[in-house]
Amino acid sequence: MDRRSFIALSAATAACTAWPGLARAQRDDAFPSRSLRIIVPLAPGGGTDAVSRLVAIEMGHVLGQAVVVENQSGGSGTIGMMTVVRAAPDGYTLLTGTPSLSIDPSLRHDMKFDPLKDLQPVSLFSKVPYVLVSSSHLGALTVAQLLAKAKAAPGALTFGSPGVGSGGHLAGELFQLMAGVKLTHIPYKGSGPAMNDLRGGRIDLLFGTTPAVVQFIHAGALHAIGVSSPTRTRILPEVPAISESGVPGYSTYSWYGAWAPARVPRDVIDKLNAAVRAALDSPKVRQAIEADGGEPAATTPEAAGRFLQAEIAKWREVIAKAGIKAE
């Protein structure tokens, strides 16, 4: 290298050393320069997968790069979550967060990460109310009638769920604590078997997400007693909110959102947040979410973080009071 080239290289190196913020800003301005991926920690085909794919397509249009959904199921979702926790903090790998992020810290003592420390919120995608449904064998019930029946024979009524610690299970435990009644929980290995036994009259009740139960309600195979959102839903306007018909203050949702590894630069998080918000503003995405009974729920990163903190605190109390242990 001749002397002139050496001086030029030294000057450039000195400039980058003296102005690291400038170099970082240039890199950040280029984000994204390649495709991104959203890790769904569940098998393909469910509501989490469907919402993630809708949002990913629209995010890709906004960011000018493909956003690919990658399903990594197993370990009750921990395999996919750990992929994101261990990913480079550059914004190119995101996680579709679900209620497991708020439930598992209190239920699973073998968790290898802390959602509040090892992940960084981007935005919520949507909230999906649960519907408290009964089999046709139980007869049409209102919340008030259900409470009277449960209080007259504590533990006689059964409610099913996809498993211990699932959102449907904890929705039922929260209902019991707030209503002052005792139901008997019957855990299943997945929502399909629980739904089959409910329709067959082998269990009495179930807290199912709106997309899972709405077709059976409309077909008359299940009776809707109440919804878990604070107010009635667009897709089931005739069904009262549980909070307005016997259990004041009752509110819980299934939910989806985007989380990134910790330490992703804030300006990258802001770009991702803007892309999510634009995706959820798309009429196509909004209509698809609402058609399944969900509510688009774009947030700031700070609001998503506060939401997760509140959910963790809520379920910690419910799990402790109900004495729930992981299977």
C-alpha atoms as a PDB file:
ATOM      1  CA  MET A   1       0.000   0.000   0.000  1.00  0.00           C
ATOM      2  CA  ASP A   2       1.472   3.405  -0.960  1.00  0.00           C
ATOM      3  CA  ARG A   3       1.666   6.306   1.492  1.00  0.00           C
ATOM      4  CA  ARG A   4      -1.307   8.196   0.001  1.00  0.00           C
ATOM      5  CA  SER A   5      -3.599   5.153   0.247  1.00  0.00           C
ATOM      6  CA  PHE A   6      -2.429   4.491   3.807  1.00  0.00           C
ATOM      7  CA  ILE A   7      -3.233   8.082   4.856  1.00  0.00           C
ATOM      8  CA  ALA A   8      -6.692   7.881   3.261  1.00  0.00           C
ATOM      9  CA  LEU A   9      -7.447   4.566   4.993  1.00  0.00           C
ATOM     10  CA  SER A  10      -6.213   5.919   8.336  1.00  0.00           C
ATOM     11  CA  ALA A  11      -8.410   8.998   8.005  1.00  0.00           C
ATOM     12  CA  ALA A  12     -11.474   6.913   7.222  1.00  0.00           C
ATOM     13  CA  THR A  13     -10.784   4.620  10.165  1.00  0.00           C
ATOM     14  CA  ALA A  14     -10.312   7.580  12.467  1.00  0.00           C
ATOM     15  CA  ALA A  15     -13.594   9.102  11.314  1.00  0.00           C
ATOM     16  CA  CYS A  16     -15.512   5.913  12.068  1.00  0.00           C
ATOM     17  CA  THR A  17     -13.816   5.620  15.457  1.00  0.00           C
ATOM     18  CA  ALA A  18     -14.507   9.230  16.318  1.00  0.00           C
ATOM     19  CA  TRP A  19     -18.095   9.125  15.084  1.00  0.00           C
ATOM     20  CA  PRO A  20     -19.506   5.659  15.899  1.00  0.00           C
ATOM     21  CA  GLY A  21     -22.990   7.141  15.997  1.00  0.00           C
ATOM     22  CA  LEU A  22     -22.650   8.173  12.344  1.00  0.00           C
ATOM     23  CA  ALA A  23     -21.603   4.683  11.292  1.00  0.00           C
ATOM     24  CA  ARG A  24     -24.451   3.120  13.271  1.00  0.00           C
ATOM     25  CA  ALA A  25     -26.960   5.584  11.862  1.00  0.00           C
ATOM     26  CA  GLN A  26     -25.887   4.675   8.344  1.00  0.00           C
ATOM     27  CA  ARG A  27     -26.401   1.001   9.109  1.00  0.00           C
ATOM     28  CA  ASP A  28     -29.768   1.639  10.736  1.00  0.00           C
ATOM     29  CA  ASP A  29     -30.933   3.787   7.836  1.00  0.00           C
ATOM     30  CA  ALA A  30     -30.329   0.777   5.597  1.00  0.00           C
ATOM     31  CA  PHE A  31     -32.602  -1.480   7.668  1.00  0.00           C
ATOM     32  CA  PRO A  32     -33.910  -3.733   6.349  1.00  0.00           C
ATOM     33  CA  SER A  33     -31.430  -4.727   3.660  1.00  0.00           C
ATOM     34  CA  ARG A  34     -32.556  -8.373   3.489  1.00  0.00           C
ATOM     35  CA  SER A  35     -35.536 -10.537   4.328  1.00  0.00           C
ATOM     36  CA  LEU A  36     -36.899 -10.863   7.854  1.00  0.00           C
ATOM     37  CA  ARG A  37     -38.467 -13.819   9.603  1.00  0.00           C
ATOM     38  CA  ILE A  38     -41.232 -14.138  12.167  1.00  0.00           C
ATOM     39  CA  ILE A  39     -40.960 -17.228  14.345  1.00  0.00           C
ATOM     40  CA  VAL A  40     -44.326 -18.751  15.250  1.00  0.00           C
ATOM     41  CA  PRO A  41     -43.656 -21.105  18.188  1.00  0.00           C
ATOM     42  CA  LEU A  42     -46.570 -23.368  17.226  1.00  0.00           C
ATOM     43  CA  ALA A  43     -47.502 -25.740  14.422  1.00  0.00           C
ATOM     44  CA  PRO A  44     -48.949 -24.337  11.180  1.00  0.00           C
ATOM     45  CA  GLY A  45     -52.668 -23.895  10.755  1.00  0.00           C
ATOM     46  CA  GLY A  46     -53.857 -22.263  13.965  1.00  0.00           C
ATOM     47  CA  GLY A  47     -54.944 -18.728  14.716  1.00  0.00           C
ATOM     48  CA  THR A  48     -51.427 -17.640  15.700  1.00  0.00           C
ATOM     49  CA  ASP A  49     -50.086 -18.820  12.362  1.00  0.00           C
ATOM     50  CA  ALA A  50     -52.905 -17.221  10.359  1.00  0.00           C
ATOM     51  CA  VAL A  51     -52.562 -13.782  11.963  1.00  0.00           C
ATOM     52  CA  SER A  52     -48.773 -13.878  11.672  1.00  0.00           C
ATOM     53  CA  ARG A  53     -48.941 -14.609   7.949  1.00  0.00           C
ATOM     54  CA  LEU A  54     -51.453 -11.831   7.298  1.00  0.00           C
ATOM     55  CA  VAL A  55     -49.337  -9.289   9.133  1.00  0.00           C
ATOM     56  CA  ALA A  56     -46.073 -10.567   7.597  1.00  0.00           C
ATOM     57  CA  ILE A  57     -47.283 -10.030   4.034  1.00  0.00           C
ATOM     58  CA  GLU A  58     -48.312  -6.435   4.708  1.00  0.00           C
ATOM     59  CA  MET A  59     -45.133  -5.707   6.694  1.00  0.00           C
ATOM     60  CA  GLY A  60     -43.139  -6.879   3.686  1.00  0.00           C
ATOM     61  CA  HIS A  61     -44.921  -4.347   1.485  1.00  0.00           C
ATOM     62  CA  VAL A  62     -44.079  -1.545   3.923  1.00  0.00           C
ATOM     63  CA  LEU A  63     -40.461  -2.550   4.549  1.00  0.00           C
ATOM     64  CA  GLY A  64     -39.637  -3.438   0.956  1.00  0.00           C
ATOM     65  CA  GLN A  65     -38.310  -6.854   1.982  1.00  0.00           C
ATOM     66  CA  ALA A  66     -39.916 -10.263   2.329  1.00  0.00           C
ATOM     67  CA  VAL A  67     -41.117 -11.161   5.820  1.00  0.00           C
ATOM     68  CA  VAL A  68     -41.165 -14.946   6.100  1.00  0.00           C
ATOM     69  CA  VAL A  69     -43.158 -16.861   8.717  1.00  0.00           C
ATOM     70  CA  GLU A  70     -41.293 -19.843  10.147  1.00  0.00           C
ATOM     71  CA  ASN A  71     -43.098 -22.344  12.380  1.00  0.00           C
ATOM     72  CA  GLN A  72     -40.994 -23.856  15.169  1.00  0.00           C
ATOM     73  CA  SER A  73     -43.242 -25.935  17.383  1.00  0.00           C
ATOM     74  CA  GLY A  74     -42.239 -28.115  20.302  1.00  0.00           C
ATOM     75  CA  GLY A  75     -41.446 -27.777  23.968  1.00  0.00           C
ATOM     76  CA  SER A  76     -44.772 -26.013  24.615  1.00  0.00           C
ATOM     77  CA  GLY A  77     -43.520 -23.181  22.422  1.00  0.00           C
ATOM     78  CA  THR A  78     -40.139 -22.792  24.093  1.00  0.00           C
ATOM     79  CA  ILE A  79     -38.150 -24.005  21.069  1.00  0.00           C
ATOM     80  CA  GLY A  80     -39.398 -21.164  18.894  1.00  0.00           C
ATOM     81  CA  MET A  81     -39.128 -18.629  21.709  1.00  0.00           C
ATOM     82  CA  MET A  82     -35.514 -19.577  22.407  1.00  0.00           C
ATOM     83  CA  THR A  83     -34.661 -19.166  18.721  1.00  0.00           C
ATOM     84  CA  VAL A  84     -35.625 -15.500  19.010  1.00  0.00           C
ATOM     85  CA  VAL A  85     -33.993 -14.994  22.414  1.00  0.00           C
ATOM     86  CA  ARG A  86     -30.702 -16.296  20.978  1.00  0.00           C
ATOM     87  CA  ALA A  87     -30.977 -14.460  17.646  1.00  0.00           C
ATOM     88  CA  ALA A  88     -28.751 -11.533  16.752  1.00  0.00           C
ATOM     89  CA  PRO A  89     -30.257  -8.264  18.080  1.00  0.00           C
ATOM     90  CA  ASP A  90     -30.531  -6.758  14.617  1.00  0.00           C
ATOM     91  CA  GLY A  91     -34.297  -6.800  14.038  1.00  0.00           C
ATOM     92  CA  TYR A  92     -34.269  -9.511  11.382  1.00  0.00           C
ATOM     93  CA  THR A  93     -35.765 -12.191  13.651  1.00  0.00           C
ATOM     94  CA  LEU A  94     -39.072 -11.610  15.434  1.00  0.00           C
ATOM     95  CA  LEU A  95     -41.355 -13.735  17.589  1.00  0.00           C
ATOM     96  CA  THR A  96     -45.114 -13.941  17.474  1.00  0.00           C
ATOM     97  CA  GLY A  97     -45.833 -13.701  21.178  1.00  0.00           C
ATOM     98  CA  THR A  98     -48.906 -15.392  22.668  1.00  0.00           C
ATOM     99  CA  PRO A  99     -50.363 -15.717  26.186  1.00  0.00           C
ATOM    100  CA  SER A 100     -47.660 -18.300  26.942  1.00  0.00           C
ATOM    101  CA  LEU A 101     -45.241 -15.388  27.386  1.00  0.00           C
ATOM    102  CA  SER A 102     -47.334 -14.198  30.323  1.00  0.00           C
ATOM    103  CA  ILE A 103     -48.372 -17.564  31.770  1.00  0.00           C
ATOM    104  CA  ASP A 104     -45.194 -19.670  31.614  1.00  0.00           C
ATOM    105  CA  PRO A 105     -43.049 -17.498  33.932  1.00  0.00           C
ATOM    106  CA  SER A 106     -45.346 -18.444  36.834  1.00  0.00           C
ATOM    107  CA  LEU A 107     -46.134 -21.982  35.755  1.00  0.00           C
ATOM    108  CA  ARG A 108     -42.914 -23.440  34.354  1.00  0.00           C
ATOM    109  CA  HIS A 109     -39.938 -23.269  36.643  1.00  0.00           C
ATOM    110  CA  ASP A 110     -37.622 -24.656  33.956  1.00  0.00           C
ATOM    111  CA  MET A 111     -37.954 -21.601  31.697  1.00  0.00           C
ATOM    112  CA  LYS A 112     -34.575 -20.650  30.285  1.00  0.00           C
ATOM    113  CA  PHE A 113     -35.363 -16.986  29.677  1.00  0.00           C
ATOM    114  CA  ASP A 114     -37.209 -14.011  31.136  1.00  0.00           C
ATOM    115  CA  PRO A 115     -39.723 -12.502  28.665  1.00  0.00           C
ATOM    116  CA  LEU A 116     -39.335  -9.056  30.245  1.00  0.00           C
ATOM    117  CA  LYS A 117     -35.527  -9.067  30.075  1.00  0.00           C
ATOM    118  CA  ASP A 118     -34.598 -11.266  27.134  1.00  0.00           C
ATOM    119  CA  LEU A 119     -37.228 -10.056  24.672  1.00  0.00           C
ATOM    120  CA  GLN A 120     -38.179  -6.574  23.508  1.00  0.00           C
ATOM    121  CA  PRO A 121     -41.765  -5.603  22.570  1.00  0.00           C
ATOM    122  CA  VAL A 122     -42.572  -4.267  19.103  1.00  0.00           C
ATOM    123  CA  SER A 123     -46.382  -4.151  19.049  1.00  0.00           C
ATOM    124  CA  LEU A 124     -49.453  -6.229  19.708  1.00  0.00           C
ATOM    125  CA  PHE A 125     -51.235  -7.633  16.644  1.00  0.00           C
ATOM    126  CA  SER A 126     -54.675  -8.493  17.947  1.00  0.00           C
ATOM    127  CA  LYS A 127     -56.772  -9.552  20.924  1.00  0.00           C
ATOM    128  CA  VAL A 128     -59.230 -12.440  20.670  1.00  0.00           C
ATOM    129  CA  PRO A 129     -61.987 -12.820  23.276  1.00  0.00           C
ATOM    130  CA  TYR A 130     -62.918 -16.164  24.758  1.00  0.00           C
ATOM    131  CA  VAL A 131     -66.515 -17.339  24.657  1.00  0.00           C
ATOM    132  CA  LEU A 132     -67.921 -19.327  27.563  1.00  0.00           C
ATOM    133  CA  VAL A 133     -69.936 -22.032  25.821  1.00  0.00           C
ATOM    134  CA  SER A 134     -72.019 -24.952  27.067  1.00  0.00           C
ATOM    135  CA  SER A 135     -73.117 -28.159  25.457  1.00  0.00           C
ATOM    136  CA  SER A 136     -76.705 -28.472  24.241  1.00  0.00           C
ATOM    137  CA  HIS A 137     -77.135 -31.239  26.829  1.00  0.00           C
ATOM    138  CA  LEU A 138     -76.698 -28.752  29.658  1.00  0.00           C
ATOM    139  CA  GLY A 139     -79.507 -26.570  28.391  1.00  0.00           C
ATOM    140  CA  ALA A 140     -79.555 -22.860  27.620  1.00  0.00           C
ATOM    141  CA  LEU A 141     -77.955 -20.889  30.424  1.00  0.00           C
ATOM    142  CA  THR A 142     -77.271 -17.289  31.240  1.00  0.00           C
ATOM    143  CA  VAL A 143     -74.306 -16.332  33.399  1.00  0.00           C
ATOM    144  CA  ALA A 144     -76.691 -15.811  36.328  1.00  0.00           C
ATOM    145  CA  GLN A 145     -78.226 -19.257  35.849  1.00  0.00           C
ATOM    146  CA  LEU A 146     -74.793 -20.832  35.565  1.00  0.00           C
ATOM    147  CA  LEU A 147     -73.637 -19.184  38.791  1.00  0.00           C
ATOM    148  CA  ALA A 148     -76.755 -20.373  40.635  1.00  0.00           C
ATOM    149  CA  LYS A 149     -76.251 -23.906  39.338  1.00  0.00           C
ATOM    150  CA  ALA A 150     -72.543 -23.905  40.263  1.00  0.00           C
ATOM    151  CA  LYS A 151     -73.190 -22.561  43.772  1.00  0.00           C
ATOM    152  CA  ALA A 152     -75.904 -25.122  44.417  1.00  0.00           C
ATOM    153  CA  ALA A 153     -73.530 -28.020  43.623  1.00  0.00           C
ATOM    154  CA  PRO A 154     -69.858 -26.961  43.958  1.00  0.00           C
ATOM    155  CA  GLY A 155     -67.593 -28.935  41.628  1.00  0.00           C
ATOM    156  CA  ALA A 156     -70.443 -30.710  39.849  1.00  0.00           C
ATOM    157  CA  LEU A 157     -70.087 -28.726  36.625  1.00  0.00           C
ATOM    158  CA  THR A 158     -67.034 -29.472  34.477  1.00  0.00           C
ATOM    159  CA  PHE A 159     -65.113 -27.266  32.084  1.00  0.00           C
ATOM    160  CA  GLY A 160     -62.591 -28.463  29.540  1.00  0.00           C
ATOM    161  CA  SER A 161     -59.456 -26.829  28.160  1.00  0.00           C
ATOM    162  CA  PRO A 162     -56.614 -27.626  25.726  1.00  0.00           C
ATOM    163  CA  GLY A 163     -54.404 -28.394  28.734  1.00  0.00           C
ATOM    164  CA  VAL A 164     -53.132 -27.255  32.104  1.00  0.00           C
ATOM    165  CA  GLY A 165     -51.886 -23.677  31.901  1.00  0.00           C
ATOM    166  CA  SER A 166     -53.547 -22.960  28.557  1.00  0.00           C
ATOM    167  CA  GLY A 167     -55.375 -19.700  28.017  1.00  0.00           C
ATOM    168  CA  GLY A 168     -58.724 -21.480  28.161  1.00  0.00           C
ATOM    169  CA  HIS A 169     -57.804 -23.125  31.452  1.00  0.00           C
ATOM    170  CA  LEU A 170     -56.763 -19.860  33.082  1.00  0.00           C
ATOM    171  CA  ALA A 171     -59.834 -18.044  31.735  1.00  0.00           C
ATOM    172  CA  GLY A 172     -61.876 -20.627  33.634  1.00  0.00           C
ATOM    173  CA  GLU A 173     -59.798 -20.290  36.807  1.00  0.00           C
ATOM    174  CA  LEU A 174     -60.130 -16.497  36.710  1.00  0.00           C
ATOM    175  CA  PHE A 175     -63.904 -16.901  36.279  1.00  0.00           C
ATOM    176  CA  GLN A 176     -64.127 -19.151  39.340  1.00  0.00           C
ATOM    177  CA  LEU A 177     -62.057 -16.824  41.506  1.00  0.00           C
ATOM    178  CA  MET A 178     -64.007 -13.715  40.534  1.00  0.00           C
ATOM    179  CA  ALA A 179     -67.441 -15.377  40.665  1.00  0.00           C
ATOM    180  CA  GLY A 180     -66.826 -17.330  43.849  1.00  0.00           C
ATOM    181  CA  VAL A 181     -67.803 -20.696  42.373  1.00  0.00           C
ATOM    182  CA  LYS A 182     -66.155 -24.096  42.023  1.00  0.00           C
ATOM    183  CA  LEU A 183     -65.997 -25.919  38.689  1.00  0.00           C
ATOM    184  CA  THR A 184     -64.044 -29.083  37.920  1.00  0.00           C
ATOM    185  CA  HIS A 185     -61.322 -28.626  35.303  1.00  0.00           C
ATOM    186  CA  ILE A 186     -60.844 -31.398  32.721  1.00  0.00           C
ATOM    187  CA  PRO A 187     -57.592 -30.886  30.764  1.00  0.00           C
ATOM    188  CA  TYR A 188     -57.181 -32.305  27.252  1.00  0.00           C
ATOM    189  CA  LYS A 189     -54.255 -32.603  24.888  1.00  0.00           C
ATOM    190  CA  GLY A 190     -55.375 -29.902  22.498  1.00  0.00           C
ATOM    191  CA  SER A 191     -58.530 -27.967  21.751  1.00  0.00           C
ATOM    192  CA  GLY A 192     -59.941 -30.521  19.274  1.00  0.00           C
ATOM    193  CA  PRO A 193     -60.542 -33.324  21.810  1.00  0.00           C
ATOM    194  CA  ALA A 194     -61.980 -30.836  24.323  1.00  0.00           C
ATOM    195  CA  MET A 195     -64.377 -29.470  21.721  1.00  0.00           C
ATOM    196  CA  ASN A 196     -65.457 -32.969  20.699  1.00  0.00           C
ATOM    197  CA  ASP A 197     -66.268 -33.931  24.276  1.00  0.00           C
ATOM    198  CA  LEU A 198     -68.147 -30.678  24.848  1.00  0.00           C
ATOM    199  CA  ARG A 199     -70.308 -31.232  21.794  1.00  0.00           C
ATOM    200  CA  GLY A 200     -70.866 -34.821  22.871  1.00  0.00           C
ATOM    201  CA  GLY A 201     -72.040 -33.740  26.313  1.00  0.00           C
ATOM    202  CA  ARG A 202     -69.175 -35.402  28.186  1.00  0.00           C
ATOM    203  CA  ILE A 203     -68.155 -32.060  29.688  1.00  0.00           C
ATOM    204  CA  ASP A 204     -70.392 -29.101  30.464  1.00  0.00           C
ATOM    205  CA  LEU A 205     -68.470 -25.923  29.645  1.00  0.00           C
ATOM    206  CA  LEU A 206     -65.472 -24.543  27.801  1.00  0.00           C
ATOM    207  CA  PHE A 207     -63.777 -21.181  27.388  1.00  0.00           C
ATOM    208  CA  GLY A 208     -62.933 -21.239  23.675  1.00  0.00           C
ATOM    209  CA  THR A 209     -61.481 -18.517  21.481  1.00  0.00           C
ATOM    210  CA  THR A 210     -64.012 -16.912  19.177  1.00  0.00           C
ATOM    211  CA  PRO A 211     -62.634 -18.488  15.947  1.00  0.00           C
ATOM    212  CA  ALA A 212     -62.755 -21.957  17.526  1.00  0.00           C
ATOM    213  CA  VAL A 213     -66.393 -21.842  18.643  1.00  0.00           C
ATOM    214  CA  VAL A 214     -68.294 -19.318  16.529  1.00  0.00           C
ATOM    215  CA  GLN A 215     -69.243 -21.766  13.753  1.00  0.00           C
ATOM    216  CA  PHE A 216     -70.684 -24.207  16.306  1.00  0.00           C
ATOM    217  CA  ILE A 217     -72.640 -21.419  17.982  1.00  0.00           C
ATOM    218  CA  HIS A 218     -74.146 -20.288  14.695  1.00  0.00           C
ATOM    219  CA  ALA A 219     -74.992 -23.903  13.830  1.00  0.00           C
ATOM    220  CA  GLY A 220     -76.769 -24.400  17.158  1.00  0.00           C
ATOM    221  CA  ALA A 221     -74.329 -27.118  18.312  1.00  0.00           C
ATOM    222  CA  LEU A 222     -73.104 -25.020  21.251  1.00  0.00           C
ATOM    223  CA  HIS A 223     -74.774 -22.407  23.414  1.00  0.00           C
ATOM    224  CA  ALA A 224     -72.900 -19.145  24.060  1.00  0.00           C
ATOM    225  CA  ILE A 225     -73.246 -17.975  27.660  1.00  0.00           C
ATOM    226  CA  GLY A 226     -70.958 -14.939  27.625  1.00  0.00           C
ATOM    227  CA  VAL A 227     -67.850 -13.370  26.106  1.00  0.00           C
ATOM    228  CA  SER A 228     -64.683 -12.548  28.038  1.00  0.00           C
ATOM    229  CA  SER A 229     -64.165  -9.072  26.592  1.00  0.00           C
ATOM    230  CA  PRO A 230     -65.389  -6.082  28.651  1.00  0.00           C
ATOM    231  CA  THR A 231     -68.111  -5.397  26.062  1.00  0.00           C
ATOM    232  CA  ARG A 232     -69.981  -7.412  23.457  1.00  0.00           C
ATOM    233  CA  THR A 233     -68.180  -8.442  20.288  1.00  0.00           C
ATOM    234  CA  ARG A 234     -68.900  -7.527  16.687  1.00  0.00           C
ATOM    235  CA  ILE A 235     -69.166 -11.158  15.602  1.00  0.00           C
ATOM    236  CA  LEU A 236     -71.528 -12.235  18.445  1.00  0.00           C
ATOM    237  CA  PRO A 237     -73.465  -9.066  19.273  1.00  0.00           C
ATOM    238  CA  GLU A 238     -76.317 -11.012  20.861  1.00  0.00           C
ATOM    239  CA  VAL A 239     -74.033 -12.628  23.461  1.00  0.00           C
ATOM    240  CA  PRO A 240     -73.544 -10.551  26.629  1.00  0.00           C
ATOM    241  CA  ALA A 241     -70.171  -9.869  28.174  1.00  0.00           C
ATOM    242  CA  ILE A 242     -69.577 -11.946  31.303  1.00  0.00           C
ATOM    243  CA  SER A 243     -68.691  -8.719  33.111  1.00  0.00           C
ATOM    244  CA  GLU A 244     -72.127  -7.209  32.400  1.00  0.00           C
ATOM    245  CA  SER A 245     -74.125 -10.262  33.403  1.00  0.00           C
ATOM    246  CA  GLY A 246     -72.918 -11.488  36.772  1.00  0.00           C
ATOM    247  CA  VAL A 247     -69.143 -11.175  37.167  1.00  0.00           C
ATOM    248  CA  PRO A 248     -68.250  -7.446  37.186  1.00  0.00           C
ATOM    249  CA  GLY A 249     -64.723  -6.658  36.005  1.00  0.00           C
ATOM    250  CA  TYR A 250     -64.141 -10.022  34.366  1.00  0.00           C
ATOM    251  CA  SER A 251     -61.948  -9.585  31.294  1.00  0.00           C
ATOM    252  CA  THR A 252     -59.393 -11.733  29.536  1.00  0.00           C
ATOM    253  CA  TYR A 253     -58.217 -12.353  25.976  1.00  0.00           C
ATOM    254  CA  SER A 254     -56.081 -14.563  23.880  1.00  0.00           C
ATOM    255  CA  TRP A 255     -53.638 -12.285  22.046  1.00  0.00           C
ATOM    256  CA  TYR A 256     -50.837 -12.092  19.497  1.00  0.00           C
ATOM    257  CA  GLY A 257     -47.986  -9.639  19.057  1.00  0.00           C
ATOM    258  CA  ALA A 258     -44.448  -9.099  17.812  1.00  0.00           C
ATOM    259  CA  TRP A 259     -41.427  -9.347  20.088  1.00  0.00           C
ATOM    260  CA  ALA A 260     -37.743  -8.985  19.166  1.00  0.00           C
ATOM    261  CA  PRO A 261     -34.553 -10.056  20.917  1.00  0.00           C
ATOM    262  CA  ALA A 262     -33.361  -7.732  23.657  1.00  0.00           C
ATOM    263  CA  ARG A 263     -30.942  -4.945  22.670  1.00  0.00           C
ATOM    264  CA  VAL A 264     -32.305  -4.373  19.154  1.00  0.00           C
ATOM    265  CA  PRO A 265     -31.576  -0.659  18.467  1.00  0.00           C
ATOM    266  CA  ARG A 266     -34.530   1.610  19.170  1.00  0.00           C
ATOM    267  CA  ASP A 267     -34.670   3.077  15.676  1.00  0.00           C
ATOM    268  CA  VAL A 268     -34.967  -0.440  14.244  1.00  0.00           C
ATOM    269  CA  ILE A 269     -37.760  -1.211  16.725  1.00  0.00           C
ATOM    270  CA  ASP A 270     -39.498   1.980  15.608  1.00  0.00           C
ATOM    271  CA  LYS A 271     -39.322   0.914  11.956  1.00  0.00           C
ATOM    272  CA  LEU A 272     -40.733  -2.494  12.815  1.00  0.00           C
ATOM    273  CA  ASN A 273     -43.471  -0.918  14.915  1.00  0.00           C
ATOM    274  CA  ALA A 274     -44.437   1.406  12.059  1.00  0.00           C
ATOM    275  CA  ALA A 275     -44.611  -1.583   9.691  1.00  0.00           C
ATOM    276  CA  VAL A 276     -46.862  -3.536  12.079  1.00  0.00           C
ATOM    277  CA  ARG A 277     -49.151  -0.551  12.560  1.00  0.00           C
ATOM    278  CA  ALA A 278     -49.402  -0.032   8.801  1.00  0.00           C
ATOM    279  CA  ALA A 279     -50.172  -3.733   8.338  1.00  0.00           C
ATOM    280  CA  LEU A 280     -52.972  -3.599  10.898  1.00  0.00           C
ATOM    281  CA  ASP A 281     -54.362  -0.484   9.220  1.00  0.00           C
ATOM    282  CA  SER A 282     -54.743  -2.457   5.996  1.00  0.00           C
ATOM    283  CA  PRO A 283     -58.452  -3.120   5.335  1.00  0.00           C
ATOM    284  CA  LYS A 284     -57.596  -6.662   4.231  1.00  0.00           C
ATOM    285  CA  VAL A 285     -55.873  -7.498   7.530  1.00  0.00           C
ATOM    286  CA  ARG A 286     -58.440  -5.734   9.708  1.00  0.00           C
ATOM    287  CA  GLN A 287     -61.338  -7.481   7.975  1.00  0.00           C
ATOM    288  CA  ALA A 288     -59.677 -10.883   8.302  1.00  0.00           C
ATOM    289  CA  ILE A 289     -58.998 -10.412  12.017  1.00  0.00           C
ATOM    290  CA  GLU A 290     -62.503  -9.107  12.694  1.00  0.00           C
ATOM    291  CA  ALA A 291     -64.102 -11.893  10.645  1.00  0.00           C
ATOM    292  CA  ASP A 292     -62.570 -14.371  13.104  1.00  0.00           C
ATOM    293  CA  GLY A 293     -63.871 -12.422  16.088  1.00  0.00           C
ATOM    294  CA  GLY A 294     -60.591 -10.705  16.910  1.00  0.00           C
ATOM    295  CA  GLU A 295     -59.803  -7.065  17.520  1.00  0.00           C
ATOM    296  CA  PRO A 296     -56.831  -5.388  15.777  1.00  0.00           C
ATOM    297  CA  ALA A 297     -54.674  -4.002  18.580  1.00  0.00           C
ATOM    298  CA  ALA A 298     -51.643  -2.099  17.279  1.00  0.00           C
ATOM    299  CA  THR A 299     -49.678  -0.493  20.117  1.00  0.00           C
ATOM    300  CA  THR A 300     -46.479   1.375  20.809  1.00  0.00           C
ATOM    301  CA  PRO A 301     -43.572  -0.778  22.047  1.00  0.00           C
ATOM    302  CA  GLU A 302     -44.040   0.752  25.512  1.00  0.00           C
ATOM    303  CA  ALA A 303     -47.749  -0.120  25.601  1.00  0.00           C
ATOM    304  CA  ALA A 304     -47.013  -3.707  24.516  1.00  0.00           C
ATOM    305  CA  GLY A 305     -44.432  -3.951  27.290  1.00  0.00           C
ATOM    306  CA  ARG A 306     -46.866  -2.664  29.908  1.00  0.00           C
ATOM    307  CA  PHE A 307     -49.507  -5.077  28.647  1.00  0.00           C
ATOM    308  CA  LEU A 308     -47.164  -8.051  29.064  1.00  0.00           C
ATOM    309  CA  GLN A 309     -46.125  -6.919  32.553  1.00  0.00           C
ATOM    310  CA  ALA A 310     -49.772  -6.647  33.611  1.00  0.00           C
ATOM    311  CA  GLU A 311     -50.626 -10.047  32.136  1.00  0.00           C
ATOM    312  CA  ILE A 312     -47.698 -11.701  33.936  1.00  0.00           C
ATOM    313  CA  ALA A 313     -48.812 -10.168  37.236  1.00  0.00           C
ATOM    314  CA  LYS A 314     -52.451 -11.208  36.687  1.00  0.00           C
ATOM    315  CA  TRP A 315     -51.678 -14.823  35.877  1.00  0.00           C
ATOM    316  CA  ARG A 316     -49.105 -15.100  38.652  1.00  0.00           C
ATOM    317  CA  GLU A 317     -51.869 -14.284  41.145  1.00  0.00           C
ATOM    318  CA  VAL A 318     -54.409 -16.616  39.529  1.00  0.00           C
ATOM    319  CA  ILE A 319     -51.945 -19.523  39.338  1.00  0.00           C
ATOM    320  CA  ALA A 320     -50.953 -19.059  42.983  1.00  0.00           C
ATOM    321  CA  LYS A 321     -54.526 -18.771  44.286  1.00  0.00           C
ATOM    322  CA  ALA A 322     -55.776 -21.719  42.234  1.00  0.00           C
ATOM    323  CA  GLY A 323     -52.748 -23.850  43.121  1.00  0.00           C
ATOM    324  CA  ILE A 324     -52.056 -24.754  39.486  1.00  0.00           C
ATOM    325  CA  LYS A 325     -49.034 -26.965  38.815  1.00  0.00           C
ATOM    326  CA  ALA A 326     -47.525 -27.708  35.425  1.00  0.00           C
ATOM    327  CA  GLU A 327     -48.051 -31.248  34.204  1.00  0.00           C
END
